[in-house]
Amino acid sequence: MALAAADGRVTHARVLAIALPMTVAHLTTPLLGIVDAAVVGRLGDAALLGGVALAAVIFDMLFWVFGFLRMGTVGLAAQAVGRRDGVEERAVLARALLLAGALGLVLIALQAPIAYAALGLAGASEEVNAAVRAYYAVRIYAAPFTLANYVVLGWLVGLGRTGRALALQVGMNLLNMALTAVLVLGAGWGVAGAAAGTLMAEIAGTAAGLLLCLSMLGGAVALPRGVLFNRARLAESFLLNRDIMIRTAALMFAFSFFAAQGARAGDVTLAANAVLQNMVMVAAYFLDGFATAAEQICGAAVGGRRRADFAAGVRLCLIWGLVFALVACALYLAIGPAIVDAMTTSEEVRAAARDFLIYAALLPVAGVAAYAFDGVYIGALWSRDMRNLMLCALAVYLAAWWGLRGLGNHGLWLAFLAFLIARGAFQALRLPALERRTFGA
């Protein structure tokens, strides 16, 4: 028996019911870094604070590479829902959990070379590196659980159970914050306490998530070996994950390139860009929510061969994404200077950030189509095209930067705007052909 309704009408309410809980879940994630910084900052050692911040970046980048475990699981689960294939719904979860566990163990086995490479690229002081090593040595053991939580989250979203996904995510983040405070300040574990808090929260989140999944499955977890290791399904999953991983690596490169070019422009420009990027990220969490809605709705529509629902899902996710992007743009134009002043006390950084504020305000609008179509393509399992179009957009980004480099940081921001617009435009142009291939002429 399927665990989710496959024929729910695609309405404004349904889009919001999926998107808003996931937006809230995304918004709780930055709080972890803020709490870690606040707690470790009370130890009074700048090197410890810098070490925790750097270690958090290392793990964010490391785990971001494996984001396909969440995204791929959403698409595969949503399509199984659309087909009313309850057995495959369970199989998607089981296969993804096995892969997450295996990849997590590989990361643990390779922890030494990963740490060596990360610290070498960071180029921080020895005091900061020592703090990073203390944090890293504990948190790396959370890898299998972190990746398993990606799978559980993706599976719940694929089934349309975003309320339960939200509860798990928020509960795990709140537990993480509480444990960090207790272990760092109460138990006196220092930097290792911040890492241990995250490790314990990830383990608890995995346990709670698996119990929830078992409850939803009614204890019916057994799968025939032929179903679990079905060659066609495994090949589909492998190709999907490979393509999403390449796409994610390209996206990581784009952000890293932006940061590197900002750093070359000087400390003030680097800091101003960082302040504005934080503002952009908040808006991006809302766009991510509508991308998630597109993943589930369009995936279920493709699985159920319901072309009208697919078209409605694309249209409504674009509309609501644009609404929130325009609101964010208006807010940033109206109160952006006040937000900048609240985030930094440096007058030089404040002045520089105001000079480039217009780009941060326009970025959410420029990115609406890119985010929404990413969700559509993932749900429809059009991963090869998504990968190729991302690489094309990356080429546009680099070409635009090269042509506009004489404008300095203005050129860099304009190139990034071109990158987002190109991503959405390429996917929009390719969409009709893919839709015809999937649903027929």
Protein backbone atom coordinates (compact mmCIF):
# COMPACT_ATOMS: atom_id res chain seq x y z
CA MET A 1 0.00 0.00 0.00
CA ALA A 2 1.30 3.45 -0.89
CA LEU A 3 2.06 5.74 2.04
CA ALA A 4 0.97 9.02 0.43
CA ALA A 5 -1.88 10.19 -1.75
CA ALA A 6 -0.84 10.21 -5.38
CA ASP A 7 -3.65 12.27 -6.83
CA GLY A 8 -3.88 15.34 -4.60
CA ARG A 9 -4.90 18.43 -6.56
CA VAL A 10 -2.09 20.86 -7.32
CA THR A 11 -3.29 24.07 -5.67
CA HIS A 12 -1.77 27.17 -4.13
CA ALA A 13 -2.47 25.69 -0.70
CA ARG A 14 -0.65 22.47 -1.54
CA VAL A 15 2.43 24.33 -2.80
CA LEU A 16 2.55 26.45 0.36
CA ALA A 17 1.92 23.42 2.58
CA ILE A 18 5.13 21.87 1.26
CA ALA A 19 7.26 24.98 0.77
CA LEU A 20 6.71 26.85 4.04
CA PRO A 21 7.59 24.02 6.46
CA MET A 22 10.77 23.35 4.48
CA THR A 23 11.62 27.05 4.52
CA VAL A 24 11.33 27.09 8.31
CA ALA A 25 13.50 23.96 8.49
CA HIS A 26 16.14 25.63 6.31
CA LEU A 27 16.03 28.82 8.39
CA THR A 28 16.84 26.94 11.61
CA THR A 29 20.11 25.63 10.18
CA PRO A 30 22.10 28.93 10.35
CA LEU A 31 21.17 29.16 14.02
CA LEU A 32 23.54 26.26 14.68
CA GLY A 33 26.54 28.27 13.56
CA ILE A 34 25.36 31.28 15.54
CA VAL A 35 24.96 29.21 18.72
CA ASP A 36 28.33 27.50 18.25
CA ALA A 37 29.99 30.88 17.79
CA ALA A 38 28.20 32.41 20.78
CA VAL A 39 28.99 29.48 23.08
CA VAL A 40 32.62 29.02 22.06
CA GLY A 41 33.05 32.79 21.98
CA ARG A 42 32.39 32.86 25.72
CA LEU A 43 35.61 30.92 26.23
CA GLY A 44 37.44 34.12 25.36
CA ASP A 45 39.89 32.64 22.85
CA ALA A 46 39.78 34.03 19.31
CA ALA A 47 41.63 31.00 17.93
CA LEU A 48 38.99 28.64 19.30
CA LEU A 49 36.20 30.73 17.80
CA GLY A 50 37.98 30.88 14.45
CA GLY A 51 38.64 27.15 14.58
CA VAL A 52 34.99 26.27 15.15
CA ALA A 53 33.91 28.62 12.37
CA LEU A 54 36.44 27.15 9.94
CA ALA A 55 35.59 23.57 10.90
CA ALA A 56 31.91 24.27 10.35
CA VAL A 57 32.69 25.54 6.84
CA ILE A 58 34.75 22.41 6.12
CA PHE A 59 31.89 20.12 7.14
CA ASP A 60 29.30 22.22 5.30
CA MET A 61 31.32 21.91 2.10
CA LEU A 62 32.07 18.21 2.68
CA PHE A 63 28.46 17.20 3.30
CA TRP A 64 27.08 19.53 0.62
CA VAL A 65 28.74 17.27 -1.96
CA PHE A 66 26.43 14.48 -0.79
CA GLY A 67 23.28 16.55 -1.11
CA PHE A 68 22.21 14.13 -3.84
CA LEU A 69 21.16 11.76 -1.05
CA ARG A 70 18.36 14.15 -0.16
CA MET A 71 17.50 15.45 -3.62
CA GLY A 72 17.67 12.11 -5.38
CA THR A 73 15.59 10.45 -2.70
CA VAL A 74 12.89 13.12 -3.05
CA GLY A 75 12.60 12.54 -6.79
CA LEU A 76 12.62 8.75 -6.62
CA ALA A 77 10.17 8.61 -3.70
CA ALA A 78 7.82 11.16 -5.28
CA GLN A 79 7.69 9.20 -8.53
CA ALA A 80 6.95 6.00 -6.61
CA VAL A 81 4.12 7.87 -4.89
CA GLY A 82 2.79 8.96 -8.27
CA ARG A 83 2.81 5.36 -9.49
CA ARG A 84 1.15 4.19 -6.25
CA ASP A 85 4.03 1.77 -5.84
CA GLY A 86 4.26 1.17 -2.09
CA VAL A 87 6.98 -1.48 -2.44
CA GLU A 88 9.23 0.90 -4.37
CA GLU A 89 8.59 3.64 -1.80
CA ARG A 90 10.15 1.36 0.82
CA ALA A 91 12.92 0.26 -1.54
CA VAL A 92 13.93 3.86 -2.28
CA LEU A 93 14.40 4.47 1.44
CA ALA A 94 16.33 1.23 2.02
CA ARG A 95 18.70 1.69 -0.93
CA ALA A 96 19.44 5.29 -0.02
CA LEU A 97 20.11 4.43 3.64
CA LEU A 98 22.53 1.68 2.62
CA LEU A 99 24.36 4.13 0.36
CA ALA A 100 24.43 6.82 3.07
CA GLY A 101 25.89 4.38 5.59
CA ALA A 102 28.55 3.21 3.15
CA LEU A 103 29.55 6.74 2.16
CA GLY A 104 29.66 7.83 5.81
CA LEU A 105 32.02 4.99 6.65
CA VAL A 106 34.22 5.93 3.69
CA LEU A 107 34.46 9.51 4.99
CA ILE A 108 35.49 8.21 8.41
CA ALA A 109 38.12 5.96 6.84
CA LEU A 110 39.49 8.90 4.81
CA GLN A 111 39.33 11.42 7.64
CA ALA A 112 43.11 12.00 7.78
CA PRO A 113 43.66 12.96 4.11
CA ILE A 114 40.44 15.01 4.08
CA ALA A 115 41.59 17.00 7.11
CA TYR A 116 45.07 17.45 5.66
CA ALA A 117 43.70 18.79 2.37
CA ALA A 118 41.13 21.05 4.03
CA LEU A 119 43.62 22.62 6.43
CA GLY A 120 46.14 23.05 3.65
CA LEU A 121 43.65 24.95 1.53
CA ALA A 122 42.45 27.08 4.46
CA GLY A 123 45.94 28.36 5.35
CA ALA A 124 44.94 29.37 8.89
CA SER A 125 47.27 29.89 11.86
CA GLU A 126 48.51 26.90 13.86
CA GLU A 127 46.35 27.91 16.82
CA VAL A 128 43.23 27.91 14.65
CA ASN A 129 44.30 24.64 13.00
CA ALA A 130 44.63 23.02 16.41
CA ALA A 131 41.05 23.99 17.25
CA VAL A 132 39.86 22.71 13.86
CA ARG A 133 41.56 19.35 14.48
CA ALA A 134 39.93 19.02 17.91
CA TYR A 135 36.48 19.70 16.43
CA TYR A 136 37.05 17.61 13.31
CA ALA A 137 38.31 14.55 15.21
CA VAL A 138 34.94 14.25 16.94
CA ARG A 139 32.43 15.43 14.38
CA ILE A 140 33.72 13.28 11.51
CA TYR A 141 32.08 10.30 13.24
CA ALA A 142 28.71 11.93 12.62
CA ALA A 143 29.12 11.38 8.86
CA PRO A 144 26.98 8.22 8.52
CA PHE A 145 24.23 9.78 10.64
CA THR A 146 24.30 13.14 8.85
CA LEU A 147 23.98 11.41 5.49
CA ALA A 148 21.24 9.11 6.81
CA ASN A 149 19.34 12.18 7.96
CA TYR A 150 19.58 13.58 4.43
CA VAL A 151 17.91 10.39 3.20
CA VAL A 152 15.14 10.41 5.80
CA LEU A 153 14.41 14.09 5.12
CA GLY A 154 14.31 13.48 1.37
CA TRP A 155 12.05 10.45 1.74
CA LEU A 156 9.57 12.28 3.93
CA VAL A 157 9.48 15.21 1.50
CA GLY A 158 9.07 12.83 -1.44
CA LEU A 159 6.00 11.39 0.27
CA GLY A 160 4.68 14.90 0.90
CA ARG A 161 5.09 14.62 4.69
CA THR A 162 6.88 17.97 5.08
CA GLY A 163 5.35 18.66 8.49
CA ARG A 164 7.08 15.58 9.90
CA ALA A 165 10.28 16.51 8.08
CA LEU A 166 10.11 19.96 9.68
CA ALA A 167 9.56 18.52 13.16
CA LEU A 168 12.57 16.23 12.80
CA GLN A 169 14.84 18.96 11.45
CA VAL A 170 13.88 21.58 14.03
CA GLY A 171 14.00 19.07 16.89
CA MET A 172 17.47 17.93 15.90
CA ASN A 173 18.75 21.49 15.56
CA LEU A 174 17.33 22.54 18.94
CA LEU A 175 18.89 19.48 20.59
CA ASN A 176 22.18 20.34 18.93
CA MET A 177 22.11 23.85 20.36
CA ALA A 178 21.25 22.65 23.86
CA LEU A 179 23.92 19.94 23.90
CA THR A 180 26.55 22.36 22.62
CA ALA A 181 25.84 24.82 25.41
CA VAL A 182 25.88 22.10 28.07
CA LEU A 183 29.03 20.34 26.86
CA VAL A 184 31.07 23.47 26.13
CA LEU A 185 30.12 25.66 29.09
CA GLY A 186 28.78 23.15 31.60
CA ALA A 187 31.06 20.16 31.11
CA GLY A 188 34.05 22.25 30.02
CA TRP A 189 34.79 20.17 26.92
CA GLY A 190 35.75 23.21 24.88
CA VAL A 191 35.78 22.94 21.08
CA ALA A 192 35.34 19.17 21.26
CA GLY A 193 32.11 19.78 23.16
CA ALA A 194 30.64 21.73 20.24
CA ALA A 195 31.49 18.84 17.92
CA ALA A 196 30.15 16.25 20.38
CA GLY A 197 26.87 18.15 20.64
CA THR A 198 26.45 17.94 16.88
CA LEU A 199 27.42 14.25 16.84
CA MET A 200 24.89 13.37 19.56
CA ALA A 201 22.14 15.41 17.88
CA GLU A 202 22.77 13.71 14.52
CA ILE A 203 22.61 10.27 16.16
CA ALA A 204 19.38 11.19 17.95
CA GLY A 205 17.95 12.63 14.72
CA THR A 206 18.75 9.43 12.84
CA ALA A 207 17.17 7.28 15.54
CA ALA A 208 14.03 9.44 15.64
CA GLY A 209 13.83 9.55 11.85
CA LEU A 210 14.13 5.79 11.47
CA LEU A 211 11.52 5.21 14.15
CA LEU A 212 9.19 7.60 12.34
CA CYS A 213 9.77 5.80 9.05
CA LEU A 214 9.13 2.43 10.72
CA SER A 215 5.92 3.78 12.17
CA MET A 216 4.77 5.03 8.78
CA LEU A 217 5.61 1.67 7.23
CA GLY A 218 3.69 -0.17 9.93
CA GLY A 219 6.74 -2.29 10.62
CA ALA A 220 6.63 -3.68 7.06
CA VAL A 221 10.29 -3.12 6.23
CA ALA A 222 11.23 -6.47 4.70
CA LEU A 223 11.98 -6.35 0.98
CA PRO A 224 12.73 -9.18 -1.43
CA ARG A 225 16.41 -9.16 -2.38
CA GLY A 226 15.46 -8.89 -6.03
CA VAL A 227 13.55 -5.66 -5.33
CA LEU A 228 16.18 -4.09 -3.07
CA PHE A 229 19.00 -4.81 -5.52
CA ASN A 230 17.01 -4.44 -8.73
CA ARG A 231 19.63 -3.66 -11.37
CA ALA A 232 17.50 -1.20 -13.33
CA ARG A 233 16.59 0.74 -10.18
CA LEU A 234 20.18 0.73 -8.92
CA ALA A 235 21.43 1.99 -12.29
CA GLU A 236 18.78 4.72 -12.28
CA SER A 237 19.77 5.76 -8.78
CA PHE A 238 23.49 5.73 -9.61
CA LEU A 239 23.09 7.92 -12.69
CA LEU A 240 20.77 10.30 -10.84
CA ASN A 241 23.16 10.68 -7.91
CA ARG A 242 26.17 11.07 -10.20
CA ASP A 243 24.55 13.86 -12.18
CA ILE A 244 23.31 15.70 -9.08
CA MET A 245 26.77 15.40 -7.52
CA ILE A 246 28.42 16.95 -10.60
CA ARG A 247 25.80 19.69 -10.65
CA THR A 248 26.40 20.40 -6.95
CA ALA A 249 30.18 20.49 -7.46
CA ALA A 250 29.70 23.06 -10.23
CA LEU A 251 27.51 25.15 -7.94
CA MET A 252 30.09 24.93 -5.15
CA PHE A 253 32.75 26.09 -7.57
CA ALA A 254 30.62 29.09 -8.54
CA PHE A 255 30.24 30.20 -4.91
CA SER A 256 33.91 29.50 -4.14
CA PHE A 257 35.01 31.48 -7.19
CA PHE A 258 32.85 34.40 -6.05
CA ALA A 259 34.43 34.32 -2.59
CA ALA A 260 37.96 34.00 -3.98
CA GLN A 261 37.56 36.95 -6.34
CA GLY A 262 36.11 39.02 -3.52
CA ALA A 263 39.12 38.17 -1.35
CA ARG A 264 41.49 39.33 -4.08
CA ALA A 265 39.74 42.68 -4.11
CA GLY A 266 40.78 43.31 -0.50
CA ASP A 267 39.58 42.74 3.04
CA VAL A 268 36.89 45.42 2.94
CA THR A 269 35.34 44.10 -0.27
CA LEU A 270 35.54 40.54 1.02
CA ALA A 271 33.75 41.51 4.23
CA ALA A 272 31.11 43.53 2.37
CA ASN A 273 30.41 40.63 0.04
CA ALA A 274 30.11 38.27 3.02
CA VAL A 275 27.55 40.55 4.70
CA LEU A 276 25.49 40.76 1.52
CA GLN A 277 25.75 37.04 0.85
CA ASN A 278 24.22 36.37 4.27
CA MET A 279 21.25 38.49 3.24
CA VAL A 280 21.01 36.62 -0.06
CA MET A 281 21.10 33.26 1.73
CA VAL A 282 18.04 34.13 3.82
CA ALA A 283 16.05 34.81 0.65
CA ALA A 284 17.47 31.65 -0.90
CA TYR A 285 15.96 29.56 1.91
CA PHE A 286 12.50 30.65 0.75
CA LEU A 287 13.33 29.84 -2.87
CA ASP A 288 14.66 26.46 -1.70
CA GLY A 289 11.30 25.81 -0.08
CA PHE A 290 9.49 26.27 -3.40
CA ALA A 291 12.13 24.18 -5.17
CA THR A 292 11.32 21.41 -2.68
CA ALA A 293 7.61 21.79 -3.46
CA ALA A 294 8.43 21.44 -7.15
CA GLU A 295 10.45 18.29 -6.45
CA GLN A 296 7.55 16.55 -4.74
CA ILE A 297 4.67 17.78 -6.86
CA CYS A 298 6.35 17.38 -10.24
CA GLY A 299 7.89 14.05 -9.24
CA ALA A 300 4.52 12.62 -8.23
CA ALA A 301 2.95 14.00 -11.41
CA VAL A 302 5.57 12.35 -13.60
CA GLY A 303 5.23 9.06 -11.71
CA GLY A 304 1.46 9.16 -12.16
CA ARG A 305 1.67 10.37 -15.78
CA ARG A 306 -0.46 13.42 -14.94
CA ARG A 307 0.68 16.14 -17.32
CA ALA A 308 -1.82 18.73 -16.12
CA ASP A 309 -0.61 18.37 -12.52
CA PHE A 310 2.97 18.68 -13.71
CA ALA A 311 2.25 21.90 -15.58
CA ALA A 312 0.32 23.28 -12.60
CA GLY A 313 3.18 22.43 -10.26
CA VAL A 314 5.70 24.23 -12.46
CA ARG A 315 3.49 27.29 -12.81
CA LEU A 316 2.52 27.65 -9.15
CA CYS A 317 6.05 27.10 -7.81
CA LEU A 318 7.34 29.77 -10.18
CA ILE A 319 4.57 32.18 -9.19
CA TRP A 320 5.06 31.79 -5.45
CA GLY A 321 8.83 31.88 -5.78
CA LEU A 322 8.55 35.16 -7.66
CA VAL A 323 6.19 36.59 -5.04
CA PHE A 324 8.62 35.89 -2.21
CA ALA A 325 11.60 37.05 -4.29
CA LEU A 326 9.92 40.39 -5.03
CA VAL A 327 9.07 40.84 -1.35
CA ALA A 328 12.70 40.11 -0.42
CA CYS A 329 13.94 42.52 -3.09
CA ALA A 330 11.65 45.30 -1.84
CA LEU A 331 12.66 44.71 1.78
CA TYR A 332 16.36 44.76 1.01
CA LEU A 333 16.02 47.96 -1.00
CA ALA A 334 14.02 49.58 1.81
CA ILE A 335 15.85 48.39 4.94
CA GLY A 336 19.03 46.88 3.50
CA PRO A 337 21.27 49.65 4.87
CA ALA A 338 19.89 49.08 8.37
CA ILE A 339 20.51 45.33 8.04
CA VAL A 340 24.08 46.02 6.94
CA ASP A 341 24.65 48.35 9.90
CA ALA A 342 23.35 45.68 12.27
CA MET A 343 25.74 43.08 10.86
CA THR A 344 28.96 45.09 11.03
CA THR A 345 30.34 48.06 12.96
CA SER A 346 33.06 48.86 10.40
CA GLU A 347 32.23 52.07 8.58
CA GLU A 348 34.38 51.00 5.61
CA VAL A 349 32.52 47.70 5.28
CA ARG A 350 29.16 49.43 5.72
CA ALA A 351 29.94 51.89 2.93
CA ALA A 352 31.17 49.15 0.59
CA ALA A 353 28.14 46.95 1.29
CA ARG A 354 25.78 49.83 0.47
CA ASP A 355 27.55 50.28 -2.86
CA PHE A 356 26.74 46.70 -3.84
CA LEU A 357 23.39 46.33 -2.04
CA ILE A 358 21.39 46.62 -5.26
CA TYR A 359 22.88 43.33 -6.49
CA ALA A 360 21.96 41.48 -3.30
CA ALA A 361 18.41 42.82 -3.65
CA LEU A 362 18.13 41.69 -7.28
CA LEU A 363 19.69 38.27 -6.76
CA PRO A 364 16.53 36.54 -5.38
CA VAL A 365 14.50 37.75 -8.38
CA ALA A 366 17.22 36.65 -10.80
CA GLY A 367 17.32 33.23 -9.15
CA VAL A 368 13.59 32.40 -9.05
CA ALA A 369 13.59 30.30 -12.21
CA ALA A 370 16.91 28.63 -11.40
CA TYR A 371 15.68 27.39 -8.01
CA ALA A 372 12.22 26.37 -9.20
CA PHE A 373 13.44 24.52 -12.28
CA ASP A 374 16.08 22.71 -10.22
CA GLY A 375 13.19 21.30 -8.22
CA VAL A 376 11.24 20.43 -11.35
CA TYR A 377 14.20 18.67 -12.96
CA ILE A 378 15.03 16.72 -9.80
CA GLY A 379 11.43 15.60 -9.33
CA ALA A 380 11.17 14.56 -12.97
CA LEU A 381 14.58 12.80 -12.71
CA TRP A 382 15.95 14.87 -15.60
CA SER A 383 19.32 14.90 -13.88
CA ARG A 384 21.49 14.61 -16.99
CA ASP A 385 19.96 17.71 -18.53
CA MET A 386 20.14 19.58 -15.22
CA ARG A 387 23.84 18.72 -14.96
CA ASN A 388 24.61 19.78 -18.53
CA LEU A 389 22.65 23.02 -18.27
CA MET A 390 24.38 23.88 -14.99
CA LEU A 391 27.76 23.48 -16.70
CA CYS A 392 26.57 25.72 -19.54
CA ALA A 393 25.46 28.36 -17.04
CA LEU A 394 28.81 28.09 -15.27
CA ALA A 395 30.53 28.81 -18.60
CA VAL A 396 28.32 31.92 -18.98
CA TYR A 397 29.30 32.99 -15.45
CA LEU A 398 33.02 32.72 -16.10
CA ALA A 399 32.73 34.39 -19.50
CA ALA A 400 30.71 37.25 -18.00
CA TRP A 401 33.25 37.70 -15.21
CA TRP A 402 36.08 37.78 -17.74
CA GLY A 403 34.31 40.37 -19.84
CA LEU A 404 33.31 42.49 -16.84
CA ARG A 405 36.45 42.11 -14.71
CA GLY A 406 37.40 45.71 -15.46
CA LEU A 407 34.44 46.77 -13.32
CA GLY A 408 35.95 45.13 -10.25
CA ASN A 409 33.48 43.90 -7.65
CA HIS A 410 30.56 45.33 -9.63
CA GLY A 411 31.56 43.05 -12.50
CA LEU A 412 31.73 40.07 -10.15
CA TRP A 413 28.19 40.65 -8.88
CA LEU A 414 26.90 41.21 -12.41
CA ALA A 415 28.51 37.95 -13.51
CA PHE A 416 26.81 36.11 -10.66
CA LEU A 417 23.48 37.61 -11.66
CA ALA A 418 24.12 36.40 -15.20
CA PHE A 419 24.88 32.93 -13.84
CA LEU A 420 21.53 32.69 -12.04
CA ILE A 421 19.58 34.07 -14.99
CA ALA A 422 21.36 31.67 -17.38
CA ARG A 423 20.54 28.66 -15.17
CA GLY A 424 16.85 29.46 -15.18
CA ALA A 425 16.72 30.45 -18.84
CA PHE A 426 18.50 27.34 -20.09
CA GLN A 427 16.21 25.08 -18.08
CA ALA A 428 13.10 26.95 -19.24
CA LEU A 429 14.14 26.59 -22.87
CA ARG A 430 14.82 22.88 -22.47
CA LEU A 431 11.61 22.18 -20.52
CA PRO A 432 9.13 21.79 -23.45
CA ALA A 433 11.25 19.13 -25.17
CA LEU A 434 11.72 17.18 -21.94
CA GLU A 435 8.02 17.44 -21.15
CA ARG A 436 7.13 16.03 -24.58
CA ARG A 437 9.64 13.22 -24.13
CA THR A 438 8.22 12.35 -20.72
CA PHE A 439 4.49 12.69 -21.36
CA GLY A 440 4.30 12.35 -25.14
CA ALA A 441 3.50 14.95 -27.78
